[in-house]
Protein backbone atom coordinates (compact mmCIF):
# COMPACT_ATOMS: atom_id res chain seq x y z
CA MET A 1 -1.30 13.09 8.34
CA LYS A 2 0.41 9.77 7.69
CA ILE A 3 0.95 8.27 4.26
CA ALA A 4 2.21 4.73 3.70
CA PHE A 5 4.17 3.49 0.70
CA VAL A 6 4.69 -0.17 -0.16
CA THR A 7 8.42 -0.72 -0.63
CA GLU A 8 11.30 -3.15 -0.65
CA ASP A 9 14.07 -0.64 -0.01
CA GLY A 10 12.59 2.55 1.44
CA ASN A 11 13.34 4.49 -1.74
CA PHE A 12 11.01 3.14 -4.41
CA VAL A 13 7.30 2.29 -4.55
CA SER A 14 6.92 -1.47 -4.95
CA LYS A 15 4.97 -2.74 -7.93
CA HIS A 16 3.30 -5.51 -5.92
CA PHE A 17 1.61 -5.04 -2.56
CA GLY A 18 1.48 -8.74 -1.66
CA ARG A 19 5.19 -9.40 -2.19
CA ALA A 20 6.71 -6.23 -0.74
CA MET A 21 8.27 -6.63 2.68
CA TYR A 22 7.93 -3.11 4.09
CA TYR A 23 5.96 0.06 4.41
CA MET A 24 7.61 3.46 4.41
CA VAL A 25 5.34 5.56 6.62
CA VAL A 26 5.73 9.30 6.22
CA ASP A 27 4.32 11.67 8.83
CA VAL A 28 3.53 15.05 7.27
CA GLU A 29 2.41 18.24 8.98
CA ASN A 30 1.62 21.38 6.95
CA ASN A 31 3.25 19.76 3.89
CA ILE A 32 6.51 19.29 5.82
CA VAL A 33 7.88 15.80 6.40
CA LYS A 34 8.23 15.32 10.16
CA GLU A 35 9.26 11.66 10.22
CA LYS A 36 9.87 8.69 7.93
CA ARG A 37 10.00 5.15 9.24
CA MET A 38 10.20 1.69 7.77
CA LEU A 39 7.74 -0.85 9.15
CA PRO A 40 7.63 -4.56 8.36
CA LYS A 41 4.51 -5.55 6.46
CA MET A 42 2.99 -8.29 8.61
CA GLY A 43 1.30 -11.20 6.88
CA CYS A 44 3.04 -10.76 3.57
CA ASP A 45 4.25 -13.72 1.54
CA HIS A 46 8.04 -13.67 1.23
CA SER A 47 8.23 -17.02 -0.58
CA GLY A 48 7.82 -15.49 -4.00
CA HIS A 49 4.29 -16.83 -4.35
CA HIS A 50 1.44 -14.48 -5.12
CA GLY A 51 0.54 -14.11 -1.44
CA GLU A 52 -3.00 -12.92 -2.00
CA HIS A 53 -5.81 -15.36 -1.35
CA HIS A 54 -9.08 -14.75 -3.11
CA GLY A 55 -11.39 -17.21 -1.34
CA PRO A 56 -12.11 -20.74 -2.41
CA LYS A 57 -13.42 -19.66 -5.80
CA GLY A 58 -10.68 -17.08 -6.37
CA ASP A 59 -13.22 -14.27 -6.55
CA GLY A 60 -12.34 -12.24 -3.44
CA ALA A 61 -15.84 -12.85 -2.04
CA GLU A 62 -14.65 -14.05 1.36
CA PRO A 63 -12.63 -11.80 3.66
CA ASP A 64 -8.97 -12.68 3.88
CA PRO A 65 -7.43 -12.40 7.38
CA ASN A 66 -4.04 -11.99 5.69
CA HIS A 67 -5.18 -8.62 4.30
CA ASP A 68 -6.09 -7.50 7.82
CA ARG A 69 -2.64 -8.49 9.13
CA MET A 70 -1.00 -6.55 6.31
CA ALA A 71 -3.15 -3.48 6.99
CA ASN A 72 -2.67 -3.41 10.78
CA PRO A 73 0.72 -1.57 10.77
CA ILE A 74 -0.78 1.27 8.69
CA GLY A 75 -4.19 1.49 10.33
CA ASP A 76 -3.53 5.12 11.31
CA CYS A 77 -2.56 6.20 7.76
CA GLU A 78 -4.91 8.18 5.56
CA ALA A 79 -3.46 6.76 2.35
CA LEU A 80 -1.45 3.85 0.96
CA ILE A 81 0.47 4.29 -2.27
CA CYS A 82 1.71 1.31 -4.24
CA GLY A 83 2.44 0.24 -7.81
CA GLY A 84 -0.07 -2.61 -7.98
CA MET A 85 -2.13 -5.03 -5.92
CA GLY A 86 -4.91 -7.56 -6.06
CA PHE A 87 -8.50 -6.42 -5.92
CA GLY A 88 -9.13 -8.22 -2.60
CA ALA A 89 -6.35 -6.32 -0.82
CA TYR A 90 -7.49 -3.06 -2.40
CA GLN A 91 -11.05 -3.60 -1.24
CA SER A 92 -9.94 -4.55 2.29
CA LEU A 93 -7.86 -1.37 2.64
CA MET A 94 -10.62 0.85 1.30
CA LEU A 95 -13.12 -0.72 3.74
CA ARG A 96 -10.73 0.21 6.58
CA GLY A 97 -10.85 3.83 5.44
CA ILE A 98 -7.36 3.88 3.93
CA ARG A 99 -7.34 5.67 0.58
CA THR A 100 -5.45 3.36 -1.74
CA ILE A 101 -3.67 4.81 -4.77
CA ILE A 102 -2.06 2.75 -7.51
CA THR A 103 0.70 4.81 -9.10
CA GLU A 104 3.31 4.44 -11.80
CA ILE A 105 5.64 6.86 -9.98
CA GLY A 106 8.75 4.98 -8.85
CA PRO A 107 10.62 7.12 -6.31
CA ILE A 108 8.79 7.48 -2.98
CA ASP A 109 9.84 11.12 -2.63
CA ASP A 110 8.32 11.94 -6.06
CA ALA A 111 5.10 10.07 -5.26
CA LEU A 112 4.86 11.86 -1.90
CA GLN A 113 5.29 15.27 -3.54
CA ALA A 114 2.65 14.45 -6.17
CA TYR A 115 0.24 13.30 -3.42
CA LEU A 116 0.80 16.43 -1.32
CA GLU A 117 0.26 18.64 -4.37
CA GLY A 118 -2.94 16.78 -5.29
CA ARG A 119 -1.57 15.72 -8.66
CA ILE A 120 -0.88 12.01 -8.15
CA ASP A 121 -2.49 9.85 -10.82
CA ASP A 122 -4.42 6.82 -9.62
CA HIS A 123 -4.35 3.78 -11.93
CA PRO A 124 -7.03 1.35 -10.71
CA GLU A 125 -6.66 -0.49 -14.02
CA LEU A 126 -3.43 -1.94 -12.56
CA LEU A 127 -5.47 -3.90 -9.99
CA HIS A 128 -5.50 -7.62 -10.64
C-alpha cells in the first residue's frame, strides 16, 4: 500500500495542499515501511497565491485541470494525508479513489503510525 503526505520538507505534513511543493510517498507492506520518496507536486502554485481555482463562480462546480495535475503523481496511492485543503481539491481526489484525510498531526512519521494503527483523526472541518 502507498500513502502520500503533502509536505514542504519531507518531515512534516503541510497545512495547505495547494501551496505545498512535494509529496512524501511511503510504500508500506505488512505495516513495515519499504520505501519513502519525495515527489514534486505537479500543477501546484509556488507563487504564494492560493493556487486552487473554484470555477468562475468560486463554487467548485466546474472541474479544475490543476487538481488532476496535482493528483497524477499519487494516482497509485490509497490515501493522501494533509493538514488542510480546498473543497474542490478534496472532491477531485476522492473522485479518483484516493482517501483524503485532513489531520492536525505534524510529523509525517507520527501521522503514518496513526494511519497504520487505524487511529488517525480526520478533520473535514478544516476544508475551505
